[in-house]
Amino acid sequence: MAYIARNPAKASVLVVDDSLEIQRYLRTLLEMDSYSVETASSGYEALQRLRLGYAPQVVLLDLQMPGMDGLETLRLLQEFRPKPKVIMCSGMDDPEKIRAATSLGAHAYLLKPVRHLYLSAAIDRCLQESAPNRARDLLGSQLFVLPSPGPL
């Protein structure tokens, strides 16, 4: 059976995570779907890349990072034009953090370890989502939380 690329337009994704292992893992999954992938090890590094002109369509952003956490990074990302669509990734299933991410404009919240199917669905949804639909729902019901896999 032939492999069919899911992303013929080569959308770009920035993976922001302080773990090099997670960066490599997410890069592998995204490249399997033919995304153009860049990585950053901190919120500071991600913001610097955007200031230098890199404009990813989607940012996968870790919640817990030393220094500037994912929520603060998300807050600052909202100042860029065009605003990248952000998917938060975390090992924490904390309703308060999910609400905070929603209020700051996150499009999805994935629980680690991230499954390929959930990652693909979240990115597809981000890329297809239109601005009027997002503005219609300020409470964030369009944000979705995808679970981590259960024990094997």
N, C-alpha and C. Protein backbone atom coordinates (compact mmCIF):
# COMPACT_ATOMS: atom_id res chain seq x y z
N MET A 1 0.85 -1.17 0.00
CA MET A 1 0.00 0.00 0.00
C MET A 1 0.90 1.24 0.00
N ALA A 2 0.57 2.21 -0.83
CA ALA A 2 1.37 3.42 -0.95
C ALA A 2 1.04 4.40 0.17
N TYR A 3 2.08 5.11 0.62
CA TYR A 3 1.89 6.14 1.63
C TYR A 3 1.43 7.41 0.94
N ILE A 4 0.36 8.03 1.42
CA ILE A 4 -0.16 9.26 0.84
C ILE A 4 0.12 10.39 1.81
N ALA A 5 0.82 11.42 1.34
CA ALA A 5 1.14 12.57 2.18
C ALA A 5 -0.13 13.32 2.54
N ARG A 6 -0.24 13.71 3.79
CA ARG A 6 -1.42 14.42 4.27
C ARG A 6 -1.34 15.91 4.04
N ASN A 7 -0.18 16.42 3.71
CA ASN A 7 0.03 17.85 3.68
C ASN A 7 0.68 18.28 2.36
N PRO A 8 -0.06 18.26 1.27
CA PRO A 8 0.56 18.57 -0.02
C PRO A 8 1.08 20.00 -0.11
N ALA A 9 0.54 20.92 0.68
CA ALA A 9 0.95 22.32 0.62
C ALA A 9 2.21 22.61 1.43
N LYS A 10 2.75 21.62 2.16
CA LYS A 10 3.95 21.80 2.98
C LYS A 10 3.77 22.90 4.03
N ALA A 11 2.71 22.83 4.80
CA ALA A 11 2.51 23.78 5.88
C ALA A 11 3.67 23.67 6.86
N SER A 12 4.00 24.77 7.51
CA SER A 12 5.13 24.77 8.44
C SER A 12 4.65 24.73 9.89
N VAL A 13 5.41 24.00 10.70
CA VAL A 13 5.08 23.82 12.11
C VAL A 13 6.34 24.09 12.92
N LEU A 14 6.20 24.89 13.98
CA LEU A 14 7.27 25.13 14.93
C LEU A 14 6.98 24.33 16.19
N VAL A 15 7.88 23.45 16.57
CA VAL A 15 7.76 22.65 17.78
C VAL A 15 8.59 23.32 18.86
N VAL A 16 7.95 23.72 19.97
CA VAL A 16 8.64 24.39 21.07
C VAL A 16 8.55 23.50 22.29
N ASP A 17 9.68 22.91 22.66
CA ASP A 17 9.72 22.00 23.81
C ASP A 17 11.15 21.96 24.33
N ASP A 18 11.31 21.98 25.64
CA ASP A 18 12.65 21.95 26.22
C ASP A 18 13.29 20.57 26.17
N SER A 19 12.53 19.54 25.84
CA SER A 19 13.05 18.18 25.74
C SER A 19 13.46 17.88 24.30
N LEU A 20 14.73 17.57 24.10
CA LEU A 20 15.20 17.23 22.76
C LEU A 20 14.56 15.94 22.26
N GLU A 21 14.27 15.01 23.17
CA GLU A 21 13.62 13.76 22.77
C GLU A 21 12.21 14.02 22.24
N ILE A 22 11.48 14.89 22.92
CA ILE A 22 10.12 15.24 22.47
C ILE A 22 10.20 15.98 21.14
N GLN A 23 11.16 16.88 20.99
CA GLN A 23 11.33 17.58 19.72
C GLN A 23 11.54 16.59 18.58
N ARG A 24 12.44 15.63 18.79
CA ARG A 24 12.72 14.64 17.75
C ARG A 24 11.49 13.79 17.44
N TYR A 25 10.80 13.37 18.48
CA TYR A 25 9.59 12.56 18.32
C TYR A 25 8.53 13.30 17.50
N LEU A 26 8.24 14.54 17.90
CA LEU A 26 7.21 15.32 17.20
C LEU A 26 7.64 15.65 15.77
N ARG A 27 8.93 15.94 15.58
CA ARG A 27 9.44 16.21 14.23
C ARG A 27 9.20 14.98 13.34
N THR A 28 9.50 13.80 13.86
CA THR A 28 9.32 12.57 13.09
C THR A 28 7.85 12.39 12.69
N LEU A 29 6.94 12.57 13.65
CA LEU A 29 5.52 12.42 13.35
C LEU A 29 5.07 13.44 12.30
N LEU A 30 5.50 14.67 12.46
CA LEU A 30 5.08 15.73 11.54
C LEU A 30 5.67 15.54 10.14
N GLU A 31 6.92 15.12 10.08
CA GLU A 31 7.53 14.89 8.78
C GLU A 31 6.89 13.70 8.06
N MET A 32 6.36 12.74 8.82
CA MET A 32 5.61 11.63 8.21
C MET A 32 4.39 12.16 7.46
N ASP A 33 3.84 13.27 7.94
CA ASP A 33 2.68 13.91 7.30
C ASP A 33 3.11 15.02 6.35
N SER A 34 4.40 15.09 6.05
CA SER A 34 4.96 16.04 5.08
C SER A 34 4.93 17.51 5.51
N TYR A 35 4.93 17.76 6.81
CA TYR A 35 5.03 19.15 7.27
C TYR A 35 6.48 19.59 7.26
N SER A 36 6.68 20.87 7.06
CA SER A 36 8.00 21.47 7.21
C SER A 36 8.13 21.81 8.70
N VAL A 37 9.17 21.30 9.35
CA VAL A 37 9.26 21.39 10.81
C VAL A 37 10.53 22.12 11.24
N GLU A 38 10.37 23.05 12.16
CA GLU A 38 11.48 23.70 12.85
C GLU A 38 11.26 23.45 14.34
N THR A 39 12.33 23.52 15.12
CA THR A 39 12.21 23.32 16.56
C THR A 39 12.85 24.47 17.32
N ALA A 40 12.38 24.64 18.53
CA ALA A 40 12.95 25.62 19.46
C ALA A 40 12.92 24.99 20.85
N SER A 41 13.95 25.26 21.64
CA SER A 41 14.07 24.65 22.96
C SER A 41 13.48 25.48 24.08
N SER A 42 12.98 26.68 23.76
CA SER A 42 12.41 27.54 24.80
C SER A 42 11.45 28.54 24.16
N GLY A 43 10.64 29.14 25.01
CA GLY A 43 9.76 30.19 24.53
C GLY A 43 10.55 31.37 23.98
N TYR A 44 11.66 31.69 24.63
CA TYR A 44 12.51 32.79 24.16
C TYR A 44 13.02 32.52 22.75
N GLU A 45 13.49 31.30 22.51
CA GLU A 45 14.01 30.93 21.20
C GLU A 45 12.90 30.99 20.14
N ALA A 46 11.72 30.53 20.48
CA ALA A 46 10.59 30.57 19.54
C ALA A 46 10.25 32.00 19.17
N LEU A 47 10.16 32.87 20.16
CA LEU A 47 9.83 34.27 19.90
C LEU A 47 10.91 34.94 19.05
N GLN A 48 12.16 34.61 19.31
CA GLN A 48 13.25 35.17 18.53
C GLN A 48 13.14 34.77 17.06
N ARG A 49 12.80 33.51 16.81
CA ARG A 49 12.64 33.04 15.42
C ARG A 49 11.54 33.80 14.72
N LEU A 50 10.43 34.04 15.42
CA LEU A 50 9.34 34.79 14.82
C LEU A 50 9.74 36.24 14.57
N ARG A 51 10.47 36.82 15.49
CA ARG A 51 10.94 38.21 15.30
C ARG A 51 11.87 38.32 14.10
N LEU A 52 12.59 37.24 13.80
CA LEU A 52 13.51 37.23 12.65
C LEU A 52 12.81 36.88 11.33
N GLY A 53 11.49 36.69 11.39
CA GLY A 53 10.75 36.51 10.15
C GLY A 53 10.17 35.14 9.89
N TYR A 54 10.50 34.14 10.70
CA TYR A 54 9.92 32.81 10.51
C TYR A 54 8.44 32.89 10.84
N ALA A 55 7.59 32.39 9.96
CA ALA A 55 6.14 32.50 10.15
C ALA A 55 5.47 31.14 9.97
N PRO A 56 5.54 30.28 10.98
CA PRO A 56 4.89 28.97 10.87
C PRO A 56 3.37 29.12 10.90
N GLN A 57 2.69 28.20 10.23
CA GLN A 57 1.23 28.22 10.29
C GLN A 57 0.74 27.70 11.64
N VAL A 58 1.48 26.76 12.25
CA VAL A 58 1.08 26.16 13.52
C VAL A 58 2.29 26.10 14.44
N VAL A 59 2.04 26.35 15.73
CA VAL A 59 3.07 26.20 16.76
C VAL A 59 2.59 25.14 17.75
N LEU A 60 3.41 24.10 17.96
CA LEU A 60 3.17 23.12 19.02
C LEU A 60 3.97 23.60 20.21
N LEU A 61 3.30 23.92 21.29
CA LEU A 61 3.94 24.61 22.41
C LEU A 61 3.80 23.82 23.70
N ASP A 62 4.94 23.46 24.27
CA ASP A 62 4.96 22.76 25.56
C ASP A 62 4.50 23.73 26.65
N LEU A 63 3.73 23.22 27.59
CA LEU A 63 3.24 24.06 28.69
C LEU A 63 4.32 24.31 29.74
N GLN A 64 5.02 23.27 30.14
CA GLN A 64 5.98 23.39 31.23
C GLN A 64 7.40 23.46 30.67
N MET A 65 7.97 24.65 30.73
CA MET A 65 9.36 24.86 30.29
C MET A 65 10.03 25.77 31.31
N PRO A 66 11.32 25.58 31.51
CA PRO A 66 12.03 26.47 32.43
C PRO A 66 12.08 27.89 31.86
N GLY A 67 12.16 28.87 32.75
CA GLY A 67 12.19 30.26 32.29
C GLY A 67 10.78 30.70 31.94
N MET A 68 10.55 30.93 30.67
CA MET A 68 9.23 31.35 30.19
C MET A 68 8.39 30.10 29.90
N ASP A 69 7.27 29.95 30.61
CA ASP A 69 6.44 28.77 30.38
C ASP A 69 5.61 28.93 29.11
N GLY A 70 4.86 27.89 28.77
CA GLY A 70 4.07 27.89 27.55
C GLY A 70 2.97 28.94 27.54
N LEU A 71 2.35 29.20 28.68
CA LEU A 71 1.28 30.21 28.72
C LEU A 71 1.82 31.61 28.45
N GLU A 72 2.95 31.93 29.03
CA GLU A 72 3.56 33.25 28.79
C GLU A 72 4.01 33.36 27.34
N THR A 73 4.58 32.28 26.81
CA THR A 73 4.98 32.27 25.41
C THR A 73 3.76 32.47 24.51
N LEU A 74 2.68 31.78 24.80
CA LEU A 74 1.44 31.92 24.03
C LEU A 74 0.95 33.36 24.07
N ARG A 75 0.97 33.97 25.25
CA ARG A 75 0.54 35.36 25.40
C ARG A 75 1.35 36.27 24.46
N LEU A 76 2.66 36.07 24.41
CA LEU A 76 3.51 36.90 23.58
C LEU A 76 3.39 36.58 22.09
N LEU A 77 3.10 35.32 21.77
CA LEU A 77 2.90 34.94 20.37
C LEU A 77 1.71 35.66 19.75
N GLN A 78 0.73 36.01 20.56
CA GLN A 78 -0.47 36.67 20.05
C GLN A 78 -0.18 38.08 19.51
N GLU A 79 1.01 38.61 19.79
CA GLU A 79 1.37 39.94 19.30
C GLU A 79 1.88 39.92 17.87
N PHE A 80 2.17 38.75 17.33
CA PHE A 80 2.74 38.65 15.99
C PHE A 80 1.66 38.69 14.92
N ARG A 81 2.03 39.24 13.80
CA ARG A 81 1.16 39.26 12.61
C ARG A 81 1.88 38.53 11.51
N PRO A 82 1.39 37.49 10.90
CA PRO A 82 0.15 36.82 11.27
C PRO A 82 0.33 35.99 12.54
N LYS A 83 -0.72 35.88 13.28
CA LYS A 83 -0.69 35.10 14.51
C LYS A 83 -0.68 33.61 14.15
N PRO A 84 0.31 32.88 14.64
CA PRO A 84 0.29 31.43 14.37
C PRO A 84 -0.81 30.75 15.20
N LYS A 85 -1.32 29.68 14.68
CA LYS A 85 -2.29 28.89 15.43
C LYS A 85 -1.49 28.00 16.37
N VAL A 86 -1.91 27.95 17.63
CA VAL A 86 -1.12 27.28 18.66
C VAL A 86 -1.86 26.07 19.22
N ILE A 87 -1.11 24.98 19.33
CA ILE A 87 -1.58 23.76 19.99
C ILE A 87 -0.69 23.57 21.21
N MET A 88 -1.29 23.55 22.38
CA MET A 88 -0.53 23.32 23.61
C MET A 88 -0.34 21.82 23.79
N CYS A 89 0.83 21.44 24.31
CA CYS A 89 1.14 20.04 24.61
C CYS A 89 1.63 19.97 26.05
N SER A 90 1.09 19.05 26.81
CA SER A 90 1.51 18.94 28.20
C SER A 90 1.21 17.56 28.76
N GLY A 91 1.96 17.19 29.75
CA GLY A 91 1.69 15.98 30.50
C GLY A 91 0.69 16.25 31.61
N MET A 92 0.31 17.51 31.81
CA MET A 92 -0.62 17.90 32.87
C MET A 92 -2.04 18.00 32.33
N ASP A 93 -2.97 17.31 32.96
CA ASP A 93 -4.38 17.40 32.61
C ASP A 93 -5.05 18.30 33.66
N ASP A 94 -4.72 19.59 33.62
CA ASP A 94 -5.16 20.55 34.62
C ASP A 94 -6.21 21.47 34.00
N PRO A 95 -7.47 21.39 34.45
CA PRO A 95 -8.54 22.22 33.88
C PRO A 95 -8.23 23.72 33.93
N GLU A 96 -7.55 24.18 34.96
CA GLU A 96 -7.20 25.61 35.05
C GLU A 96 -6.22 26.00 33.94
N LYS A 97 -5.24 25.16 33.69
CA LYS A 97 -4.27 25.43 32.63
C LYS A 97 -4.95 25.38 31.26
N ILE A 98 -5.87 24.44 31.09
CA ILE A 98 -6.61 24.34 29.83
C ILE A 98 -7.44 25.60 29.61
N ARG A 99 -8.13 26.08 30.65
CA ARG A 99 -8.91 27.32 30.55
C ARG A 99 -8.01 28.50 30.22
N ALA A 100 -6.86 28.56 30.88
CA ALA A 100 -5.92 29.67 30.62
C ALA A 100 -5.44 29.63 29.17
N ALA A 101 -5.11 28.45 28.68
CA ALA A 101 -4.66 28.31 27.29
C ALA A 101 -5.77 28.73 26.33
N THR A 102 -7.01 28.34 26.63
CA THR A 102 -8.15 28.72 25.80
C THR A 102 -8.31 30.22 25.76
N SER A 103 -8.27 30.85 26.91
CA SER A 103 -8.47 32.29 26.95
C SER A 103 -7.36 33.05 26.23
N LEU A 104 -6.20 32.44 26.11
CA LEU A 104 -5.09 33.07 25.40
C LEU A 104 -5.08 32.73 23.91
N GLY A 105 -6.02 31.90 23.46
CA GLY A 105 -6.15 31.64 22.03
C GLY A 105 -5.65 30.31 21.53
N ALA A 106 -5.33 29.36 22.42
CA ALA A 106 -4.90 28.04 21.95
C ALA A 106 -6.04 27.36 21.21
N HIS A 107 -5.69 26.62 20.17
CA HIS A 107 -6.69 25.93 19.35
C HIS A 107 -6.93 24.50 19.80
N ALA A 108 -5.96 23.91 20.52
CA ALA A 108 -6.10 22.54 21.01
C ALA A 108 -5.13 22.35 22.16
N TYR A 109 -5.36 21.30 22.93
CA TYR A 109 -4.52 20.97 24.08
C TYR A 109 -4.32 19.46 24.04
N LEU A 110 -3.12 19.04 23.68
CA LEU A 110 -2.81 17.62 23.57
C LEU A 110 -2.07 17.15 24.81
N LEU A 111 -2.47 15.99 25.32
CA LEU A 111 -1.79 15.43 26.47
C LEU A 111 -0.67 14.51 26.00
N LYS A 112 0.47 14.61 26.66
CA LYS A 112 1.63 13.77 26.34
C LYS A 112 1.48 12.43 27.03
N PRO A 113 1.98 11.38 26.44
CA PRO A 113 2.65 11.35 25.16
C PRO A 113 1.64 11.51 24.02
N VAL A 114 1.99 12.32 23.04
CA VAL A 114 1.10 12.67 21.93
C VAL A 114 1.06 11.52 20.93
N ARG A 115 -0.14 11.11 20.58
CA ARG A 115 -0.33 10.09 19.55
C ARG A 115 -0.36 10.75 18.18
N HIS A 116 0.15 10.06 17.20
CA HIS A 116 0.22 10.58 15.84
C HIS A 116 -1.17 10.97 15.32
N LEU A 117 -2.15 10.13 15.51
CA LEU A 117 -3.50 10.39 15.04
C LEU A 117 -4.05 11.69 15.63
N TYR A 118 -3.87 11.89 16.94
CA TYR A 118 -4.37 13.10 17.60
C TYR A 118 -3.63 14.34 17.12
N LEU A 119 -2.33 14.21 16.95
CA LEU A 119 -1.54 15.34 16.47
C LEU A 119 -1.98 15.74 15.06
N SER A 120 -2.15 14.76 14.19
CA SER A 120 -2.60 15.04 12.83
C SER A 120 -3.97 15.71 12.83
N ALA A 121 -4.88 15.21 13.65
CA ALA A 121 -6.22 15.78 13.71
C ALA A 121 -6.18 17.22 14.22
N ALA A 122 -5.39 17.49 15.23
CA ALA A 122 -5.30 18.84 15.78
C ALA A 122 -4.73 19.82 14.76
N ILE A 123 -3.69 19.42 14.06
CA ILE A 123 -3.09 20.31 13.07
C ILE A 123 -4.04 20.51 11.89
N ASP A 124 -4.67 19.45 11.42
CA ASP A 124 -5.64 19.59 10.33
C ASP A 124 -6.74 20.57 10.72
N ARG A 125 -7.21 20.45 11.93
CA ARG A 125 -8.28 21.34 12.39
C ARG A 125 -7.79 22.79 12.46
N CYS A 126 -6.59 23.00 12.93
CA CYS A 126 -6.03 24.36 12.97
C CYS A 126 -5.93 24.96 11.58
N LEU A 127 -5.44 24.18 10.65
CA LEU A 127 -5.23 24.69 9.30
C LEU A 127 -6.55 24.94 8.57
N GLN A 128 -7.59 24.22 8.93
CA GLN A 128 -8.88 24.39 8.28
C GLN A 128 -9.77 25.42 8.95
N GLU A 129 -9.47 25.73 10.21
CA GLU A 129 -10.32 26.63 10.98
C GLU A 129 -10.24 28.04 10.43
N SER A 130 -11.38 28.66 10.29
CA SER A 130 -11.41 30.04 9.79
C SER A 130 -11.52 31.02 10.95
N ALA A 131 -11.04 32.22 10.74
CA ALA A 131 -11.06 33.26 11.77
C ALA A 131 -12.47 33.59 12.24
N PRO A 132 -13.49 33.71 11.36
CA PRO A 132 -14.84 34.02 11.85
C PRO A 132 -15.38 32.97 12.81
N ASN A 133 -15.06 31.69 12.56
CA ASN A 133 -15.53 30.65 13.48
C ASN A 133 -14.90 30.80 14.84
N ARG A 134 -13.62 31.16 14.90
CA ARG A 134 -12.93 31.33 16.18
C ARG A 134 -13.48 32.52 16.93
N ALA A 135 -13.73 33.62 16.22
CA ALA A 135 -14.24 34.83 16.86
C ALA A 135 -15.65 34.61 17.39
N ARG A 136 -16.41 33.72 16.77
CA ARG A 136 -17.79 33.45 17.18
C ARG A 136 -17.84 32.87 18.58
N ASP A 137 -16.83 32.16 18.98
CA ASP A 137 -16.88 31.41 20.22
C ASP A 137 -15.76 31.83 21.17
N LEU A 138 -15.99 32.88 21.90
CA LEU A 138 -14.96 33.40 22.80
C LEU A 138 -14.74 32.51 24.01
N LEU A 139 -15.66 31.59 24.29
CA LEU A 139 -15.50 30.71 25.44
C LEU A 139 -14.62 29.51 25.13
N GLY A 140 -14.26 29.35 23.88
CA GLY A 140 -13.31 28.31 23.53
C GLY A 140 -13.87 26.92 23.37
N SER A 141 -15.16 26.80 23.06
CA SER A 141 -15.67 25.44 22.91
C SER A 141 -15.05 24.75 21.70
N GLN A 142 -14.38 25.51 20.84
CA GLN A 142 -13.71 24.89 19.71
C GLN A 142 -12.38 24.27 20.13
N LEU A 143 -11.88 24.62 21.28
CA LEU A 143 -10.66 24.00 21.77
C LEU A 143 -11.00 22.57 22.15
N PHE A 144 -10.14 21.66 21.82
CA PHE A 144 -10.40 20.29 22.20
C PHE A 144 -9.18 19.70 22.87
N VAL A 145 -9.43 18.83 23.82
CA VAL A 145 -8.37 18.18 24.58
C VAL A 145 -8.35 16.73 24.15
N LEU A 146 -7.20 16.28 23.72
CA LEU A 146 -7.06 14.90 23.30
C LEU A 146 -6.24 14.15 24.34
N PRO A 147 -6.70 13.00 24.73
CA PRO A 147 -6.04 12.26 25.82
C PRO A 147 -4.73 11.62 25.42
N SER A 148 -3.95 11.35 26.41
CA SER A 148 -2.74 10.56 26.18
C SER A 148 -3.15 9.09 26.13
N PRO A 149 -2.33 8.27 25.55
CA PRO A 149 -2.69 6.85 25.49
C PRO A 149 -2.71 6.24 26.89
N GLY A 150 -3.57 5.27 27.06
CA GLY A 150 -3.64 4.56 28.33
C GLY A 150 -2.48 3.58 28.45
N PRO A 151 -2.40 2.90 29.57
CA PRO A 151 -1.32 1.93 29.76
C PRO A 151 -1.43 0.81 28.73
N LEU A 152 -0.29 0.33 28.30
CA LEU A 152 -0.27 -0.73 27.29
C LEU A 152 -0.48 -2.08 27.89
